[in-house]
PDB file of all heavy atoms in Angstrom:
ATOM      1  N   ASP A   1      93.685 100.508 101.469  1.00  0.00           N
ATOM      2  CA  ASP A   1      93.982 101.864 100.996  1.00  0.00           C
ATOM      3  C   ASP A   1      94.728 102.692 102.044  1.00  0.00           C
ATOM      4  O   ASP A   1      95.475 103.598 101.703  1.00  0.00           O
ATOM      5  CB  ASP A   1      92.697 102.602 100.610  1.00  0.00           C
ATOM      6  CG  ASP A   1      92.022 102.007  99.380  1.00  0.00           C
ATOM      7  OD1 ASP A   1      92.666 101.188  98.675  1.00  0.00           O
ATOM      8  OD2 ASP A   1      90.841 102.333  99.138  1.00  0.00           O
ATOM      9  N   HIS A   2      94.521 102.386 103.334  1.00  0.00           N
ATOM     10  CA  HIS A   2      95.165 103.130 104.419  1.00  0.00           C
ATOM     11  C   HIS A   2      96.322 102.360 105.043  1.00  0.00           C
ATOM     12  O   HIS A   2      96.715 102.630 106.176  1.00  0.00           O
ATOM     13  CB  HIS A   2      94.124 103.513 105.474  1.00  0.00           C
ATOM     14  CG  HIS A   2      93.163 104.544 104.995  1.00  0.00           C
ATOM     15  ND1 HIS A   2      92.051 104.242 104.255  1.00  0.00           N
ATOM     16  CD2 HIS A   2      93.171 105.901 105.125  1.00  0.00           C
ATOM     17  CE1 HIS A   2      91.396 105.353 103.956  1.00  0.00           C
ATOM     18  NE2 HIS A   2      92.056 106.375 104.471  1.00  0.00           N
ATOM     19  N   ASN A   3      96.835 101.394 104.286  1.00  0.00           N
ATOM     20  CA  ASN A   3      98.008 100.607 104.701  1.00  0.00           C
ATOM     21  C   ASN A   3      97.814  99.931 106.066  1.00  0.00           C
ATOM     22  O   ASN A   3      98.723  99.896 106.892  1.00  0.00           O
ATOM     23  CB  ASN A   3      99.264 101.487 104.704  1.00  0.00           C
ATOM     24  CG  ASN A   3     100.523 100.655 104.629  1.00  0.00           C
ATOM     25  OD1 ASN A   3     100.509  99.538 104.112  1.00  0.00           O
ATOM     26  ND2 ASN A   3     101.618 101.177 105.147  1.00  0.00           N
ATOM     27  N   CYS A   4      96.608  99.411 106.283  1.00  0.00           N
ATOM     28  CA  CYS A   4      96.292  98.724 107.544  1.00  0.00           C
ATOM     29  C   CYS A   4      95.819  97.295 107.290  1.00  0.00           C
ATOM     30  O   CYS A   4      95.205  96.673 108.150  1.00  0.00           O
ATOM     31  CB  CYS A   4      95.200  99.483 108.295  1.00  0.00           C
ATOM     32  SG  CYS A   4      95.684 101.132 108.819  1.00  0.00           S
ATOM     33  N   GLN A   5      96.092  96.768 106.106  1.00  0.00           N
ATOM     34  CA  GLN A   5      95.619  95.426 105.763  1.00  0.00           C
ATOM     35  C   GLN A   5      96.258  94.343 106.615  1.00  0.00           C
ATOM     36  O   GLN A   5      95.804  93.200 106.612  1.00  0.00           O
ATOM     37  CB  GLN A   5      95.815  95.127 104.269  1.00  0.00           C
ATOM     38  CG  GLN A   5      97.253  94.997 103.828  1.00  0.00           C
ATOM     39  CD  GLN A   5      97.884  96.337 103.453  1.00  0.00           C
ATOM     40  OE1 GLN A   5      97.363  97.401 103.777  1.00  0.00           O
ATOM     41  NE2 GLN A   5      99.016  96.275 102.763  1.00  0.00           N
ATOM     42  N   HIS A   6      97.272  94.690 107.385  1.00  0.00           N
ATOM     43  CA  HIS A   6      97.937  93.708 108.240  1.00  0.00           C
ATOM     44  C   HIS A   6      97.017  93.114 109.299  1.00  0.00           C
ATOM     45  O   HIS A   6      97.321  92.068 109.860  1.00  0.00           O
ATOM     46  CB  HIS A   6      99.176  94.324 108.901  1.00  0.00           C
ATOM     47  CG  HIS A   6      98.859  95.468 109.808  1.00  0.00           C
ATOM     48  ND1 HIS A   6      98.670  96.754 109.330  1.00  0.00           N
ATOM     49  CD2 HIS A   6      98.670  95.514 111.143  1.00  0.00           C
ATOM     50  CE1 HIS A   6      98.390  97.550 110.344  1.00  0.00           C
ATOM     51  NE2 HIS A   6      98.375  96.822 111.456  1.00  0.00           N
ATOM     52  N   ILE A   7      95.876  93.738 109.574  1.00  0.00           N
ATOM     53  CA  ILE A   7      94.965  93.169 110.576  1.00  0.00           C
ATOM     54  C   ILE A   7      93.981  92.177 109.954  1.00  0.00           C
ATOM     55  O   ILE A   7      93.259  91.493 110.680  1.00  0.00           O
ATOM     56  CB  ILE A   7      94.212  94.255 111.370  1.00  0.00           C
ATOM     57  CG1 ILE A   7      93.198  94.999 110.510  1.00  0.00           C
ATOM     58  CG2 ILE A   7      95.180  95.216 112.037  1.00  0.00           C
ATOM     59  CD1 ILE A   7      92.257  95.882 111.328  1.00  0.00           C
ATOM     60  N   ILE A   8      93.947  92.076 108.627  1.00  0.00           N
ATOM     61  CA  ILE A   8      93.045  91.140 107.951  1.00  0.00           C
ATOM     62  C   ILE A   8      93.705  89.769 107.911  1.00  0.00           C
ATOM     63  O   ILE A   8      94.853  89.643 107.522  1.00  0.00           O
ATOM     64  CB  ILE A   8      92.729  91.596 106.505  1.00  0.00           C
ATOM     65  CG1 ILE A   8      92.118  92.989 106.488  1.00  0.00           C
ATOM     66  CG2 ILE A   8      91.805  90.585 105.822  1.00  0.00           C
ATOM     67  CD1 ILE A   8      91.960  93.582 105.089  1.00  0.00           C
ATOM     68  N   LYS A   9      92.974  88.759 108.329  1.00  0.00           N
ATOM     69  CA  LYS A   9      93.454  87.382 108.232  1.00  0.00           C
ATOM     70  C   LYS A   9      92.799  86.732 107.022  1.00  0.00           C
ATOM     71  O   LYS A   9      91.679  87.047 106.667  1.00  0.00           O
ATOM     72  CB  LYS A   9      93.104  86.587 109.493  1.00  0.00           C
ATOM     73  CG  LYS A   9      93.851  87.089 110.716  1.00  0.00           C
ATOM     74  CD  LYS A   9      93.973  85.986 111.733  1.00  0.00           C
ATOM     75  CE  LYS A   9      94.709  86.440 112.964  1.00  0.00           C
ATOM     76  NZ  LYS A   9      96.121  86.541 112.816  1.00  0.00           N
ATOM     77  N   ASN A  10      93.519  85.786 106.386  1.00  0.00           N
ATOM     78  CA  ASN A  10      92.996  85.055 105.238  1.00  0.00           C
ATOM     79  C   ASN A  10      93.125  83.574 105.552  1.00  0.00           C
ATOM     80  O   ASN A  10      94.224  83.043 105.592  1.00  0.00           O
ATOM     81  CB  ASN A  10      93.785  85.426 103.978  1.00  0.00           C
ATOM     82  CG  ASN A  10      93.108  84.935 102.726  1.00  0.00           C
ATOM     83  OD1 ASN A  10      92.254  84.063 102.763  1.00  0.00           O
ATOM     84  ND2 ASN A  10      93.501  85.501 101.604  1.00  0.00           N
ATOM     85  N   ASP A  11      92.023  82.894 105.818  1.00  0.00           N
ATOM     86  CA  ASP A  11      92.036  81.492 106.238  1.00  0.00           C
ATOM     87  C   ASP A  11      91.706  80.553 105.082  1.00  0.00           C
ATOM     88  O   ASP A  11      90.755  80.782 104.342  1.00  0.00           O
ATOM     89  CB  ASP A  11      91.024  81.245 107.362  1.00  0.00           C
ATOM     90  CG  ASP A  11      91.409  81.917 108.659  1.00  0.00           C
ATOM     91  OD1 ASP A  11      92.575  82.321 108.786  1.00  0.00           O
ATOM     92  OD2 ASP A  11      90.547  82.036 109.534  1.00  0.00           O
ATOM     93  N   VAL A  12      92.482  79.500 104.950  1.00  0.00           N
ATOM     94  CA  VAL A  12      92.221  78.399 104.034  1.00  0.00           C
ATOM     95  C   VAL A  12      92.420  77.139 104.876  1.00  0.00           C
ATOM     96  O   VAL A  12      93.546  76.659 105.026  1.00  0.00           O
ATOM     97  CB  VAL A  12      93.188  78.400 102.826  1.00  0.00           C
ATOM     98  CG1 VAL A  12      92.903  77.231 101.904  1.00  0.00           C
ATOM     99  CG2 VAL A  12      93.120  79.710 102.080  1.00  0.00           C
ATOM    100  N   ILE A  13      91.368  76.668 105.464  1.00  0.00           N
ATOM    101  CA  ILE A  13      91.372  75.562 106.417  1.00  0.00           C
ATOM    102  C   ILE A  13      92.293  75.889 107.598  1.00  0.00           C
ATOM    103  O   ILE A  13      91.881  75.858 108.725  1.00  0.00           O
ATOM    104  CB  ILE A  13      91.747  74.209 105.775  1.00  0.00           C
ATOM    105  CG1 ILE A  13      90.834  73.882 104.600  1.00  0.00           C
ATOM    106  CG2 ILE A  13      91.690  73.095 106.822  1.00  0.00           C
ATOM    107  CD1 ILE A  13      89.385  73.663 104.925  1.00  0.00           C
ATOM    108  N   LEU A  14      93.525  76.192 107.341  1.00  0.00           N
ATOM    109  CA  LEU A  14      94.432  76.612 108.394  1.00  0.00           C
ATOM    110  C   LEU A  14      94.539  78.131 108.349  1.00  0.00           C
ATOM    111  O   LEU A  14      94.280  78.744 107.334  1.00  0.00           O
ATOM    112  CB  LEU A  14      95.813  75.964 108.217  1.00  0.00           C
ATOM    113  CG  LEU A  14      96.544  76.298 106.915  1.00  0.00           C
ATOM    114  CD1 LEU A  14      97.928  76.773 107.251  1.00  0.00           C
ATOM    115  CD2 LEU A  14      96.597  75.058 106.038  1.00  0.00           C
ATOM    116  N   SER A  15      94.920  78.727 109.454  1.00  0.00           N
ATOM    117  CA  SER A  15      95.000  80.184 109.513  1.00  0.00           C
ATOM    118  C   SER A  15      96.364  80.671 109.052  1.00  0.00           C
ATOM    119  O   SER A  15      97.390  80.140 109.453  1.00  0.00           O
ATOM    120  CB  SER A  15      94.749  80.685 110.941  1.00  0.00           C
ATOM    121  OG  SER A  15      93.425  80.462 111.309  1.00  0.00           O
ATOM    122  N   PHE A  16      96.340  81.692 108.214  1.00  0.00           N
ATOM    123  CA  PHE A  16      97.561  82.348 107.766  1.00  0.00           C
ATOM    124  C   PHE A  16      97.746  83.606 108.600  1.00  0.00           C
ATOM    125  O   PHE A  16      96.771  84.203 109.066  1.00  0.00           O
ATOM    126  CB  PHE A  16      97.446  82.730 106.283  1.00  0.00           C
ATOM    127  CG  PHE A  16      97.598  81.568 105.347  1.00  0.00           C
ATOM    128  CD1 PHE A  16      96.569  80.659 105.179  1.00  0.00           C
ATOM    129  CD2 PHE A  16      98.776  81.380 104.656  1.00  0.00           C
ATOM    130  CE1 PHE A  16      96.693  79.587 104.328  1.00  0.00           C
ATOM    131  CE2 PHE A  16      98.917  80.306 103.800  1.00  0.00           C
ATOM    132  CZ  PHE A  16      97.877  79.405 103.632  1.00  0.00           C
ATOM    133  N   ARG A  17      98.979  84.023 108.769  1.00  0.00           N
ATOM    134  CA  ARG A  17      99.222  85.272 109.490  1.00  0.00           C
ATOM    135  C   ARG A  17      98.663  86.433 108.691  1.00  0.00           C
ATOM    136  O   ARG A  17      98.497  86.351 107.477  1.00  0.00           O
ATOM    137  CB  ARG A  17     100.726  85.482 109.695  1.00  0.00           C
ATOM    138  CG  ARG A  17     101.346  84.524 110.684  1.00  0.00           C
ATOM    139  CD  ARG A  17     102.793  84.796 110.890  1.00  0.00           C
ATOM    140  NE  ARG A  17     103.430  85.000 109.598  1.00  0.00           N
ATOM    141  CZ  ARG A  17     104.656  85.441 109.426  1.00  0.00           C
ATOM    142  NH1 ARG A  17     105.383  85.724 110.465  1.00  0.00           N
ATOM    143  NH2 ARG A  17     105.159  85.591 108.230  1.00  0.00           N
ATOM    144  N   ALA A  18      98.401  87.501 109.380  1.00  0.00           N
ATOM    145  CA  ALA A  18      97.892  88.698 108.720  1.00  0.00           C
ATOM    146  C   ALA A  18      98.881  89.141 107.646  1.00  0.00           C
ATOM    147  O   ALA A  18     100.088  89.133 107.857  1.00  0.00           O
ATOM    148  CB  ALA A  18      97.695  89.810 109.737  1.00  0.00           C
ATOM    149  N   GLY A  19      98.351  89.482 106.470  1.00  0.00           N
ATOM    150  CA  GLY A  19      99.199  89.978 105.391  1.00  0.00           C
ATOM    151  C   GLY A  19      99.740  88.899 104.469  1.00  0.00           C
ATOM    152  O   GLY A  19     100.456  89.204 103.518  1.00  0.00           O
ATOM    153  N   ASP A  20      99.450  87.624 104.730  1.00  0.00           N
ATOM    154  CA  ASP A  20      99.943  86.532 103.882  1.00  0.00           C
ATOM    155  C   ASP A  20      98.941  86.164 102.792  1.00  0.00           C
ATOM    156  O   ASP A  20      98.769  84.993 102.457  1.00  0.00           O
ATOM    157  CB  ASP A  20     100.273  85.299 104.725  1.00  0.00           C
ATOM    158  CG  ASP A  20     101.590  85.432 105.462  1.00  0.00           C
ATOM    159  OD1 ASP A  20     102.362  86.366 105.177  1.00  0.00           O
ATOM    160  OD2 ASP A  20     101.850  84.584 106.327  1.00  0.00           O
ATOM    161  N   ASP A  21      98.278  87.149 102.211  1.00  0.00           N
ATOM    162  CA  ASP A  21      97.262  86.894 101.192  1.00  0.00           C
ATOM    163  C   ASP A  21      97.819  86.138  99.995  1.00  0.00           C
ATOM    164  O   ASP A  21      97.168  85.230  99.468  1.00  0.00           O
ATOM    165  CB  ASP A  21      96.646  88.210 100.705  1.00  0.00           C
ATOM    166  CG  ASP A  21      95.765  88.862 101.770  1.00  0.00           C
ATOM    167  OD1 ASP A  21      95.366  88.165 102.712  1.00  0.00           O
ATOM    168  OD2 ASP A  21      95.493  90.063 101.636  1.00  0.00           O
ATOM    169  N   ASN A  22      99.017  86.503  99.547  1.00  0.00           N
ATOM    170  CA  ASN A  22      99.586  85.845  98.371  1.00  0.00           C
ATOM    171  C   ASN A  22      99.819  84.365  98.616  1.00  0.00           C
ATOM    172  O   ASN A  22      99.509  83.522  97.767  1.00  0.00           O
ATOM    173  CB  ASN A  22     100.901  86.521  97.948  1.00  0.00           C
ATOM    174  CG  ASN A  22     100.669  87.907  97.377  1.00  0.00           C
ATOM    175  OD1 ASN A  22      99.561  88.234  96.956  1.00  0.00           O
ATOM    176  ND2 ASN A  22     101.696  88.728  97.379  1.00  0.00           N
ATOM    177  N   LYS A  23     100.355  84.006  99.770  1.00  0.00           N
ATOM    178  CA  LYS A  23     100.583  82.595 100.102  1.00  0.00           C
ATOM    179  C   LYS A  23      99.262  81.834 100.155  1.00  0.00           C
ATOM    180  O   LYS A  23      99.168  80.702  99.684  1.00  0.00           O
ATOM    181  CB  LYS A  23     101.318  82.468 101.441  1.00  0.00           C
ATOM    182  CG  LYS A  23     102.759  82.898 101.393  1.00  0.00           C
ATOM    183  CD  LYS A  23     103.406  82.736 102.761  1.00  0.00           C
ATOM    184  CE  LYS A  23     104.826  83.257 102.759  1.00  0.00           C
ATOM    185  NZ  LYS A  23     105.435  83.155 104.099  1.00  0.00           N
ATOM    186  N   ALA A  24      98.249  82.448 100.741  1.00  0.00           N
ATOM    187  CA  ALA A  24      96.942  81.799 100.838  1.00  0.00           C
ATOM    188  C   ALA A  24      96.354  81.560  99.457  1.00  0.00           C
ATOM    189  O   ALA A  24      95.832  80.479  99.170  1.00  0.00           O
ATOM    190  CB  ALA A  24      95.992  82.649 101.681  1.00  0.00           C
ATOM    191  N   ASN A  25      96.452  82.554  98.592  1.00  0.00           N
ATOM    192  CA  ASN A  25      95.923  82.407  97.234  1.00  0.00           C
ATOM    193  C   ASN A  25      96.673  81.335  96.457  1.00  0.00           C
ATOM    194  O   ASN A  25      96.058  80.559  95.714  1.00  0.00           O
ATOM    195  CB  ASN A  25      95.978  83.751  96.488  1.00  0.00           C
ATOM    196  CG  ASN A  25      94.985  84.749  97.056  1.00  0.00           C
ATOM    197  OD1 ASN A  25      93.965  84.361  97.617  1.00  0.00           O
ATOM    198  ND2 ASN A  25      95.294  86.024  96.925  1.00  0.00           N
ATOM    199  N   GLU A  26      97.998  81.274  96.609  1.00  0.00           N
ATOM    200  CA  GLU A  26      98.789  80.238  95.939  1.00  0.00           C
ATOM    201  C   GLU A  26      98.375  78.845  96.415  1.00  0.00           C
ATOM    202  O   GLU A  26      98.226  77.927  95.608  1.00  0.00           O
ATOM    203  CB  GLU A  26     100.287  80.447  96.198  1.00  0.00           C
ATOM    204  CG  GLU A  26     100.876  81.635  95.468  1.00  0.00           C
ATOM    205  CD  GLU A  26     102.325  81.905  95.866  1.00  0.00           C
ATOM    206  OE1 GLU A  26     102.961  81.020  96.472  1.00  0.00           O
ATOM    207  OE2 GLU A  26     102.785  83.014  95.573  1.00  0.00           O
ATOM    208  N   LEU A  27      98.187  78.682  97.716  1.00  0.00           N
ATOM    209  CA  LEU A  27      97.766  77.389  98.253  1.00  0.00           C
ATOM    210  C   LEU A  27      96.373  77.030  97.753  1.00  0.00           C
ATOM    211  O   LEU A  27      96.121  75.874  97.387  1.00  0.00           O
ATOM    212  CB  LEU A  27      97.802  77.395  99.778  1.00  0.00           C
ATOM    213  CG  LEU A  27      97.367  76.089 100.439  1.00  0.00           C
ATOM    214  CD1 LEU A  27      98.262  74.927 100.006  1.00  0.00           C
ATOM    215  CD2 LEU A  27      97.387  76.234 101.952  1.00  0.00           C
ATOM    216  N   MET A  28      95.482  78.003  97.706  1.00  0.00           N
ATOM    217  CA  MET A  28      94.124  77.760  97.200  1.00  0.00           C
ATOM    218  C   MET A  28      94.186  77.243  95.764  1.00  0.00           C
ATOM    219  O   MET A  28      93.545  76.248  95.430  1.00  0.00           O
ATOM    220  CB  MET A  28      93.291  79.048  97.239  1.00  0.00           C
ATOM    221  CG  MET A  28      92.911  79.534  98.610  1.00  0.00           C
ATOM    222  SD  MET A  28      91.545  78.643  99.329  1.00  0.00           S
ATOM    223  CE  MET A  28      90.221  79.144  98.265  1.00  0.00           C
ATOM    224  N   LEU A  29      94.977  77.914  94.921  1.00  0.00           N
ATOM    225  CA  LEU A  29      95.102  77.484  93.525  1.00  0.00           C
ATOM    226  C   LEU A  29      95.706  76.094  93.434  1.00  0.00           C
ATOM    227  O   LEU A  29      95.239  75.246  92.665  1.00  0.00           O
ATOM    228  CB  LEU A  29      95.942  78.488  92.727  1.00  0.00           C
ATOM    229  CG  LEU A  29      95.285  79.839  92.440  1.00  0.00           C
ATOM    230  CD1 LEU A  29      96.288  80.809  91.817  1.00  0.00           C
ATOM    231  CD2 LEU A  29      94.079  79.656  91.528  1.00  0.00           C
ATOM    232  N   SER A  30      96.730  75.840  94.216  1.00  0.00           N
ATOM    233  CA  SER A  30      97.384  74.535  94.211  1.00  0.00           C
ATOM    234  C   SER A  30      96.410  73.438  94.638  1.00  0.00           C
ATOM    235  O   SER A  30      96.352  72.367  94.018  1.00  0.00           O
ATOM    236  CB  SER A  30      98.593  74.568  95.146  1.00  0.00           C
ATOM    237  OG  SER A  30      99.168  73.288  95.249  1.00  0.00           O
ATOM    238  N   LEU A  31      95.647  73.690  95.677  1.00  0.00           N
ATOM    239  CA  LEU A  31      94.677  72.695  96.145  1.00  0.00           C
ATOM    240  C   LEU A  31      93.572  72.463  95.113  1.00  0.00           C
ATOM    241  O   LEU A  31      93.134  71.325  94.909  1.00  0.00           O
ATOM    242  CB  LEU A  31      94.075  73.129  97.486  1.00  0.00           C
ATOM    243  CG  LEU A  31      95.025  73.079  98.689  1.00  0.00           C
ATOM    244  CD1 LEU A  31      94.391  73.745  99.903  1.00  0.00           C
ATOM    245  CD2 LEU A  31      95.420  71.650  99.004  1.00  0.00           C
ATOM    246  N   GLU A  32      93.133  73.530  94.457  1.00  0.00           N
ATOM    247  CA  GLU A  32      92.112  73.382  93.417  1.00  0.00           C
ATOM    248  C   GLU A  32      92.649  72.575  92.240  1.00  0.00           C
ATOM    249  O   GLU A  32      91.934  71.748  91.669  1.00  0.00           O
ATOM    250  CB  GLU A  32      91.606  74.751  92.973  1.00  0.00           C
ATOM    251  CG  GLU A  32      90.699  75.407  93.999  1.00  0.00           C
ATOM    252  CD  GLU A  32      90.293  76.824  93.649  1.00  0.00           C
ATOM    253  OE1 GLU A  32      90.677  77.330  92.564  1.00  0.00           O
ATOM    254  OE2 GLU A  32      89.591  77.447  94.472  1.00  0.00           O
ATOM    255  N   GLU A  33      93.924  72.788  91.866  1.00  0.00           N
ATOM    256  CA  GLU A  33      94.541  72.017  90.778  1.00  0.00           C
ATOM    257  C   GLU A  33      94.629  70.537  91.127  1.00  0.00           C
ATOM    258  O   GLU A  33      94.598  69.682  90.260  1.00  0.00           O
ATOM    259  CB  GLU A  33      95.939  72.567  90.468  1.00  0.00           C
ATOM    260  CG  GLU A  33      95.921  73.907  89.762  1.00  0.00           C
ATOM    261  CD  GLU A  33      97.301  74.541  89.649  1.00  0.00           C
ATOM    262  OE1 GLU A  33      98.290  73.946  90.128  1.00  0.00           O
ATOM    263  OE2 GLU A  33      97.374  75.653  89.080  1.00  0.00           O
ATOM    264  N   GLN A  34      94.691  70.244  92.426  1.00  0.00           N
ATOM    265  CA  GLN A  34      94.772  68.861  92.881  1.00  0.00           C
ATOM    266  C   GLN A  34      93.382  68.237  93.041  1.00  0.00           C
ATOM    267  O   GLN A  34      93.265  67.097  93.494  1.00  0.00           O
ATOM    268  CB  GLN A  34      95.522  68.778  94.217  1.00  0.00           C
ATOM    269  CG  GLN A  34      96.969  69.198  94.118  1.00  0.00           C
ATOM    270  CD  GLN A  34      97.627  69.259  95.491  1.00  0.00           C
ATOM    271  OE1 GLN A  34      97.285  68.492  96.380  1.00  0.00           O
ATOM    272  NE2 GLN A  34      98.553  70.181  95.650  1.00  0.00           N
ATOM    273  N   GLY A  35      92.327  68.991  92.716  1.00  0.00           N
ATOM    274  CA  GLY A  35      90.976  68.461  92.793  1.00  0.00           C
ATOM    275  C   GLY A  35      90.268  68.722  94.107  1.00  0.00           C
ATOM    276  O   GLY A  35      89.178  68.207  94.341  1.00  0.00           O
ATOM    277  N   HIS A  36      90.880  69.510  94.985  1.00  0.00           N
ATOM    278  CA  HIS A  36      90.242  69.851  96.261  1.00  0.00           C
ATOM    279  C   HIS A  36      89.416  71.118  96.089  1.00  0.00           C
ATOM    280  O   HIS A  36      89.613  71.873  95.156  1.00  0.00           O
ATOM    281  CB  HIS A  36      91.301  70.064  97.348  1.00  0.00           C
ATOM    282  CG  HIS A  36      92.168  68.868  97.568  1.00  0.00           C
ATOM    283  ND1 HIS A  36      91.724  67.715  98.152  1.00  0.00           N
ATOM    284  CD2 HIS A  36      93.474  68.644  97.241  1.00  0.00           C
ATOM    285  CE1 HIS A  36      92.709  66.842  98.193  1.00  0.00           C
ATOM    286  NE2 HIS A  36      93.782  67.373  97.643  1.00  0.00           N
ATOM    287  N   HIS A  37      88.516  71.336  97.018  1.00  0.00           N
ATOM    288  CA  HIS A  37      87.659  72.525  96.963  1.00  0.00           C
ATOM    289  C   HIS A  37      87.732  73.262  98.301  1.00  0.00           C
ATOM    290  O   HIS A  37      86.810  73.210  99.107  1.00  0.00           O
ATOM    291  CB  HIS A  37      86.215  72.138  96.629  1.00  0.00           C
ATOM    292  CG  HIS A  37      86.100  71.373  95.368  1.00  0.00           C
ATOM    293  ND1 HIS A  37      86.230  71.951  94.136  1.00  0.00           N
ATOM    294  CD2 HIS A  37      85.899  70.047  95.144  1.00  0.00           C
ATOM    295  CE1 HIS A  37      86.112  71.034  93.191  1.00  0.00           C
ATOM    296  NE2 HIS A  37      85.919  69.863  93.788  1.00  0.00           N
ATOM    297  N   PRO A  38      88.839  73.931  98.530  1.00  0.00           N
ATOM    298  CA  PRO A  38      89.018  74.619  99.816  1.00  0.00           C
ATOM    299  C   PRO A  38      88.128  75.854  99.923  1.00  0.00           C
ATOM    300  O   PRO A  38      87.700  76.414  98.924  1.00  0.00           O
ATOM    301  CB  PRO A  38      90.495  75.025  99.790  1.00  0.00           C
ATOM    302  CG  PRO A  38      90.796  75.174  98.335  1.00  0.00           C
ATOM    303  CD  PRO A  38      89.963  74.141  97.632  1.00  0.00           C
ATOM    304  N   GLU A  39      87.869  76.234 101.162  1.00  0.00           N
ATOM    305  CA  GLU A  39      87.131  77.471 101.415  1.00  0.00           C
ATOM    306  C   GLU A  39      88.117  78.544 101.838  1.00  0.00           C
ATOM    307  O   GLU A  39      89.069  78.281 102.559  1.00  0.00           O
ATOM    308  CB  GLU A  39      86.100  77.259 102.515  1.00  0.00           C
ATOM    309  CG  GLU A  39      84.956  76.385 102.090  1.00  0.00           C
ATOM    310  CD  GLU A  39      83.868  76.318 103.140  1.00  0.00           C
ATOM    311  OE1 GLU A  39      83.730  77.284 103.923  1.00  0.00           O
ATOM    312  OE2 GLU A  39      83.173  75.298 103.166  1.00  0.00           O
ATOM    313  N   ASN A  40      87.876  79.736 101.375  1.00  0.00           N
ATOM    314  CA  ASN A  40      88.741  80.865 101.685  1.00  0.00           C
ATOM    315  C   ASN A  40      87.917  81.857 102.494  1.00  0.00           C
ATOM    316  O   ASN A  40      86.859  82.274 102.060  1.00  0.00           O
ATOM    317  CB  ASN A  40      89.223  81.491 100.370  1.00  0.00           C
ATOM    318  CG  ASN A  40      90.202  82.611 100.597  1.00  0.00           C
ATOM    319  OD1 ASN A  40      90.541  82.919 101.713  1.00  0.00           O
ATOM    320  ND2 ASN A  40      90.647  83.222  99.532  1.00  0.00           N
TER     321      ASN A  40
END
């Protein structure tokens, strides 16, 4: 809400840069479609 989300990291086995939430979510969905169960 205060435009500071850039300090939040979103990890899916590997670390994504701050602010890459969309890429992380896309990878999570892709891995789940392939039968994997990644942790976010």
